[in-house]
């Protein structure tokens, strides 16, 4: 069973990717991600927006 931290991570990543697609990476702030995800724990999981992209890319590489 996933723990709360992994659930928060997935929610933040999914929300961020959705916002990046809709508005463009440069036009989305961490505050907007947190507000849309209804989470304030962003910095306990990621160091910034670039960290989300690196995480997603590492997950994609792991699938291959």
PDB file of N, CA and C in Angstrom:
ATOM      1  N   UNK A   1       0.845  -1.180   0.000  1.00  0.00           N
ATOM      2  CA  UNK A   1       0.000   0.000   0.000  1.00  0.00           C
ATOM      3  C   UNK A   1       0.887   1.239   0.000  1.00  0.00           C
ATOM      4  N   UNK A   2       0.631   2.189  -0.918  1.00  0.00           N
ATOM      5  CA  UNK A   2       1.449   3.396  -0.973  1.00  0.00           C
ATOM      6  C   UNK A   2       1.293   4.244   0.283  1.00  0.00           C
ATOM      7  N   UNK A   3       2.393   4.879   0.680  1.00  0.00           N
ATOM      8  CA  UNK A   3       2.300   5.743   1.854  1.00  0.00           C
ATOM      9  C   UNK A   3       1.840   7.133   1.440  1.00  0.00           C
ATOM     10  N   UNK A   4       1.586   7.983   2.410  1.00  0.00           N
ATOM     11  CA  UNK A   4       1.064   9.328   2.147  1.00  0.00           C
ATOM     12  C   UNK A   4       2.033  10.137   1.302  1.00  0.00           C
ATOM     13  N   UNK A   5       3.334   9.966   1.536  1.00  0.00           N
ATOM     14  CA  UNK A   5       4.322  10.730   0.783  1.00  0.00           C
ATOM     15  C   UNK A   5       4.282  10.365  -0.701  1.00  0.00           C
ATOM     16  N   UNK A   6       4.146   9.081  -1.016  1.00  0.00           N
ATOM     17  CA  UNK A   6       4.093   8.683  -2.422  1.00  0.00           C
ATOM     18  C   UNK A   6       2.788   9.135  -3.073  1.00  0.00           C
ATOM     19  N   UNK A   7       1.701   9.170  -2.310  1.00  0.00           N
ATOM     20  CA  UNK A   7       0.435   9.687  -2.834  1.00  0.00           C
ATOM     21  C   UNK A   7       0.561  11.181  -3.120  1.00  0.00           C
ATOM     22  N   UNK A   8       1.183  11.917  -2.200  1.00  0.00           N
ATOM     23  CA  UNK A   8       1.409  13.347  -2.409  1.00  0.00           C
ATOM     24  C   UNK A   8       2.288  13.578  -3.623  1.00  0.00           C
ATOM     25  N   UNK A   9       3.342  12.771  -3.763  1.00  0.00           N
ATOM     26  CA  UNK A   9       4.250  12.905  -4.893  1.00  0.00           C
ATOM     27  C   UNK A   9       3.496  12.710  -6.202  1.00  0.00           C
ATOM     28  N   UNK A  10       2.701  11.659  -6.280  1.00  0.00           N
ATOM     29  CA  UNK A  10       1.954  11.383  -7.505  1.00  0.00           C
ATOM     30  C   UNK A  10       0.989  12.518  -7.812  1.00  0.00           C
ATOM     31  N   UNK A  11       0.292  13.014  -6.818  1.00  0.00           N
ATOM     32  CA  UNK A  11      -0.651  14.108  -7.016  1.00  0.00           C
ATOM     33  C   UNK A  11       0.061  15.367  -7.501  1.00  0.00           C
ATOM     34  N   UNK A  12       1.182  15.687  -6.891  1.00  0.00           N
ATOM     35  CA  UNK A  12       1.945  16.868  -7.292  1.00  0.00           C
ATOM     36  C   UNK A  12       2.465  16.717  -8.711  1.00  0.00           C
ATOM     37  N   UNK A  13       3.021  15.554  -9.036  1.00  0.00           N
ATOM     38  CA  UNK A  13       3.547  15.320 -10.384  1.00  0.00           C
ATOM     39  C   UNK A  13       2.427  15.396 -11.412  1.00  0.00           C
ATOM     40  N   UNK A  14       1.334  14.705 -11.170  1.00  0.00           N
ATOM     41  CA  UNK A  14       0.212  14.718 -12.117  1.00  0.00           C
ATOM     42  C   UNK A  14      -0.332  16.129 -12.315  1.00  0.00           C
ATOM     43  N   UNK A  15      -0.454  16.870 -11.230  1.00  0.00           N
ATOM     44  CA  UNK A  15      -0.947  18.246 -11.309  1.00  0.00           C
ATOM     45  C   UNK A  15       0.029  19.129 -12.072  1.00  0.00           C
ATOM     46  N   UNK A  16       1.305  19.014 -11.754  1.00  0.00           N
ATOM     47  CA  UNK A  16       2.317  19.832 -12.420  1.00  0.00           C
ATOM     48  C   UNK A  16       2.352  19.546 -13.920  1.00  0.00           C
ATOM     49  N   UNK A  17       2.360  18.290 -14.306  1.00  0.00           N
ATOM     50  CA  UNK A  17       2.409  17.937 -15.727  1.00  0.00           C
ATOM     51  C   UNK A  17       1.185  18.480 -16.447  1.00  0.00           C
ATOM     52  N   UNK A  18       0.038  18.374 -15.830  1.00  0.00           N
ATOM     53  CA  UNK A  18      -1.188  18.910 -16.423  1.00  0.00           C
ATOM     54  C   UNK A  18      -1.081  20.422 -16.622  1.00  0.00           C
ATOM     55  N   UNK A  19      -0.593  21.120 -15.609  1.00  0.00           N
ATOM     56  CA  UNK A  19      -0.433  22.573 -15.713  1.00  0.00           C
ATOM     57  C   UNK A  19       0.626  22.946 -16.746  1.00  0.00           C
ATOM     58  N   UNK A  20       1.724  22.192 -16.794  1.00  0.00           N
ATOM     59  CA  UNK A  20       2.772  22.456 -17.788  1.00  0.00           C
ATOM     60  C   UNK A  20       2.208  22.311 -19.199  1.00  0.00           C
ATOM     61  N   UNK A  21       1.409  21.282 -19.415  1.00  0.00           N
ATOM     62  CA  UNK A  21       0.816  21.065 -20.738  1.00  0.00           C
ATOM     63  C   UNK A  21      -0.148  22.193 -21.105  1.00  0.00           C
ATOM     64  N   UNK A  22      -0.910  22.631 -20.122  1.00  0.00           N
ATOM     65  CA  UNK A  22      -1.932  23.650 -20.373  1.00  0.00           C
ATOM     66  C   UNK A  22      -1.347  25.050 -20.544  1.00  0.00           C
ATOM     67  N   UNK A  23      -0.363  25.405 -19.702  1.00  0.00           N
ATOM     68  CA  UNK A  23       0.129  26.785 -19.660  1.00  0.00           C
ATOM     69  C   UNK A  23       1.582  26.941 -20.104  1.00  0.00           C
ATOM     70  N   UNK A  24       2.310  25.837 -20.228  1.00  0.00           N
ATOM     71  CA  UNK A  24       3.740  25.901 -20.534  1.00  0.00           C
ATOM     72  C   UNK A  24       4.562  25.910 -19.256  1.00  0.00           C
ATOM     73  N   UNK A  25       5.682  25.212 -19.305  1.00  0.00           N
ATOM     74  CA  UNK A  25       6.544  25.052 -18.130  1.00  0.00           C
ATOM     75  C   UNK A  25       6.918  26.397 -17.509  1.00  0.00           C
ATOM     76  N   UNK A  26       7.337  27.345 -18.334  1.00  0.00           N
ATOM     77  CA  UNK A  26       7.805  28.646 -17.837  1.00  0.00           C
ATOM     78  C   UNK A  26       6.697  29.482 -17.196  1.00  0.00           C
ATOM     79  N   UNK A  27       5.456  29.136 -17.481  1.00  0.00           N
ATOM     80  CA  UNK A  27       4.330  29.943 -17.007  1.00  0.00           C
ATOM     81  C   UNK A  27       3.637  29.369 -15.774  1.00  0.00           C
ATOM     82  N   UNK A  28       4.234  28.353 -15.170  1.00  0.00           N
ATOM     83  CA  UNK A  28       3.628  27.708 -14.000  1.00  0.00           C
ATOM     84  C   UNK A  28       4.573  27.864 -12.807  1.00  0.00           C
ATOM     85  N   UNK A  29       4.037  28.326 -11.706  1.00  0.00           N
ATOM     86  CA  UNK A  29       4.850  28.482 -10.491  1.00  0.00           C
ATOM     87  C   UNK A  29       4.591  27.317  -9.531  1.00  0.00           C
ATOM     88  N   UNK A  30       5.497  27.158  -8.600  1.00  0.00           N
ATOM     89  CA  UNK A  30       5.317  26.148  -7.559  1.00  0.00           C
ATOM     90  C   UNK A  30       4.044  26.448  -6.763  1.00  0.00           C
ATOM     91  N   UNK A  31       3.785  27.716  -6.509  1.00  0.00           N
ATOM     92  CA  UNK A  31       2.559  28.086  -5.783  1.00  0.00           C
ATOM     93  C   UNK A  31       1.316  27.628  -6.531  1.00  0.00           C
ATOM     94  N   UNK A  32       1.315  27.770  -7.852  1.00  0.00           N
ATOM     95  CA  UNK A  32       0.170  27.327  -8.646  1.00  0.00           C
ATOM     96  C   UNK A  32       0.004  25.815  -8.585  1.00  0.00           C
ATOM     97  N   UNK A  33       1.115  25.102  -8.621  1.00  0.00           N
ATOM     98  CA  UNK A  33       1.064  23.638  -8.509  1.00  0.00           C
ATOM     99  C   UNK A  33       0.466  23.249  -7.164  1.00  0.00           C
ATOM    100  N   UNK A  34       0.960  23.859  -6.098  1.00  0.00           N
ATOM    101  CA  UNK A  34       0.461  23.550  -4.754  1.00  0.00           C
ATOM    102  C   UNK A  34      -1.018  23.874  -4.614  1.00  0.00           C
ATOM    103  N   UNK A  35      -1.424  25.021  -5.142  1.00  0.00           N
ATOM    104  CA  UNK A  35      -2.821  25.435  -5.051  1.00  0.00           C
ATOM    105  C   UNK A  35      -3.716  24.461  -5.821  1.00  0.00           C
ATOM    106  N   UNK A  36      -3.312  24.111  -7.036  1.00  0.00           N
ATOM    107  CA  UNK A  36      -4.116  23.188  -7.849  1.00  0.00           C
ATOM    108  C   UNK A  36      -4.169  21.783  -7.255  1.00  0.00           C
ATOM    109  N   UNK A  37      -3.070  21.359  -6.645  1.00  0.00           N
ATOM    110  CA  UNK A  37      -3.012  20.032  -6.039  1.00  0.00           C
ATOM    111  C   UNK A  37      -3.579  20.030  -4.628  1.00  0.00           C
ATOM    112  N   UNK A  38      -3.859  21.221  -4.102  1.00  0.00           N
ATOM    113  CA  UNK A  38      -4.333  21.363  -2.725  1.00  0.00           C
ATOM    114  C   UNK A  38      -3.346  20.744  -1.734  1.00  0.00           C
ATOM    115  N   UNK A  39      -2.065  21.012  -1.985  1.00  0.00           N
ATOM    116  CA  UNK A  39      -0.989  20.485  -1.147  1.00  0.00           C
ATOM    117  C   UNK A  39       0.007  21.589  -0.839  1.00  0.00           C
ATOM    118  N   UNK A  40       0.561  21.584   0.349  1.00  0.00           N
ATOM    119  CA  UNK A  40       1.604  22.543   0.717  1.00  0.00           C
ATOM    120  C   UNK A  40       2.941  21.841   0.965  1.00  0.00           C
ATOM    121  N   UNK A  41       2.985  20.553   0.678  1.00  0.00           N
ATOM    122  CA  UNK A  41       4.170  19.758   0.991  1.00  0.00           C
ATOM    123  C   UNK A  41       5.159  19.657  -0.166  1.00  0.00           C
ATOM    124  N   UNK A  42       5.056  20.532  -1.149  1.00  0.00           N
ATOM    125  CA  UNK A  42       5.888  20.454  -2.340  1.00  0.00           C
ATOM    126  C   UNK A  42       7.366  20.321  -2.004  1.00  0.00           C
ATOM    127  N   UNK A  43       7.889  21.233  -1.196  1.00  0.00           N
ATOM    128  CA  UNK A  43       9.330  21.262  -0.932  1.00  0.00           C
ATOM    129  C   UNK A  43       9.818  20.147  -0.001  1.00  0.00           C
ATOM    130  N   UNK A  44       8.915  19.399   0.583  1.00  0.00           N
ATOM    131  CA  UNK A  44       9.360  18.223   1.333  1.00  0.00           C
ATOM    132  C   UNK A  44       9.589  17.045   0.381  1.00  0.00           C
ATOM    133  N   UNK A  45       9.099  17.177  -0.853  1.00  0.00           N
ATOM    134  CA  UNK A  45       9.219  16.109  -1.836  1.00  0.00           C
ATOM    135  C   UNK A  45      10.141  16.508  -2.983  1.00  0.00           C
ATOM    136  N   UNK A  46       9.999  17.720  -3.493  1.00  0.00           N
ATOM    137  CA  UNK A  46      10.779  18.204  -4.625  1.00  0.00           C
ATOM    138  C   UNK A  46      11.495  19.494  -4.267  1.00  0.00           C
ATOM    139  N   UNK A  47      12.621  19.744  -4.961  1.00  0.00           N
ATOM    140  CA  UNK A  47      13.360  20.982  -4.705  1.00  0.00           C
ATOM    141  C   UNK A  47      12.903  22.123  -5.606  1.00  0.00           C
ATOM    142  N   UNK A  48      12.155  21.807  -6.639  1.00  0.00           N
ATOM    143  CA  UNK A  48      11.647  22.820  -7.558  1.00  0.00           C
ATOM    144  C   UNK A  48      10.992  22.168  -8.758  1.00  0.00           C
ATOM    145  N   UNK A  49      10.549  22.995  -9.699  1.00  0.00           N
ATOM    146  CA  UNK A  49       9.874  22.482 -10.884  1.00  0.00           C
ATOM    147  C   UNK A  49      10.782  21.553 -11.698  1.00  0.00           C
ATOM    148  N   UNK A  50      12.038  21.935 -11.824  1.00  0.00           N
ATOM    149  CA  UNK A  50      12.984  21.124 -12.595  1.00  0.00           C
ATOM    150  C   UNK A  50      13.105  19.724 -12.000  1.00  0.00           C
ATOM    151  N   UNK A  51      13.006  19.620 -10.704  1.00  0.00           N
ATOM    152  CA  UNK A  51      13.079  18.323 -10.024  1.00  0.00           C
ATOM    153  C   UNK A  51      11.917  17.419 -10.441  1.00  0.00           C
ATOM    154  N   UNK A  52      10.752  18.003 -10.697  1.00  0.00           N
ATOM    155  CA  UNK A  52       9.607  17.216 -11.174  1.00  0.00           C
ATOM    156  C   UNK A  52       9.926  16.634 -12.550  1.00  0.00           C
ATOM    157  N   UNK A  53      10.457  17.476 -13.431  1.00  0.00           N
ATOM    158  CA  UNK A  53      10.806  17.016 -14.779  1.00  0.00           C
ATOM    159  C   UNK A  53      11.842  15.913 -14.707  1.00  0.00           C
ATOM    160  N   UNK A  54      12.865  16.092 -13.889  1.00  0.00           N
ATOM    161  CA  UNK A  54      13.896  15.055 -13.729  1.00  0.00           C
ATOM    162  C   UNK A  54      13.297  13.753 -13.201  1.00  0.00           C
ATOM    163  N   UNK A  55      12.372  13.856 -12.274  1.00  0.00           N
ATOM    164  CA  UNK A  55      11.705  12.673 -11.724  1.00  0.00           C
ATOM    165  C   UNK A  55      10.929  11.932 -12.815  1.00  0.00           C
ATOM    166  N   UNK A  56      10.151  12.679 -13.589  1.00  0.00           N
ATOM    167  CA  UNK A  56       9.350  12.069 -14.654  1.00  0.00           C
ATOM    168  C   UNK A  56      10.262  11.406 -15.689  1.00  0.00           C
ATOM    169  N   UNK A  57      11.331  12.087 -16.066  1.00  0.00           N
ATOM    170  CA  UNK A  57      12.258  11.510 -17.037  1.00  0.00           C
ATOM    171  C   UNK A  57      12.927  10.240 -16.506  1.00  0.00           C
ATOM    172  N   UNK A  58      13.273  10.233 -15.230  1.00  0.00           N
ATOM    173  CA  UNK A  58      13.907   9.041 -14.658  1.00  0.00           C
ATOM    174  C   UNK A  58      12.913   7.883 -14.611  1.00  0.00           C
ATOM    175  N   UNK A  59      11.649   8.179 -14.369  1.00  0.00           N
ATOM    176  CA  UNK A  59      10.631   7.128 -14.368  1.00  0.00           C
ATOM    177  C   UNK A  59      10.435   6.560 -15.774  1.00  0.00           C
ATOM    178  N   UNK A  60      10.468   7.417 -16.773  1.00  0.00           N
ATOM    179  CA  UNK A  60      10.336   6.979 -18.161  1.00  0.00           C
ATOM    180  C   UNK A  60      11.518   6.116 -18.571  1.00  0.00           C
ATOM    181  N   UNK A  61      12.714   6.494 -18.165  1.00  0.00           N
ATOM    182  CA  UNK A  61      13.907   5.694 -18.481  1.00  0.00           C
ATOM    183  C   UNK A  61      13.826   4.327 -17.823  1.00  0.00           C
ATOM    184  N   UNK A  62      13.235   4.275 -16.630  1.00  0.00           N
ATOM    185  CA  UNK A  62      13.101   3.012 -15.917  1.00  0.00           C
ATOM    186  C   UNK A  62      12.123   2.051 -16.566  1.00  0.00           C
ATOM    187  N   UNK A  63      11.203   2.574 -17.381  1.00  0.00           N
ATOM    188  CA  UNK A  63      10.231   1.726 -18.066  1.00  0.00           C
ATOM    189  C   UNK A  63      10.849   0.994 -19.245  1.00  0.00           C
ATOM    190  N   UNK A  64      11.921   1.544 -19.774  1.00  0.00           N
ATOM    191  CA  UNK A  64      12.557   0.930 -20.971  1.00  0.00           C
ATOM    192  C   UNK A  64      13.506  -0.171 -20.619  1.00  0.00           C
TER     193      UNK A  64
END
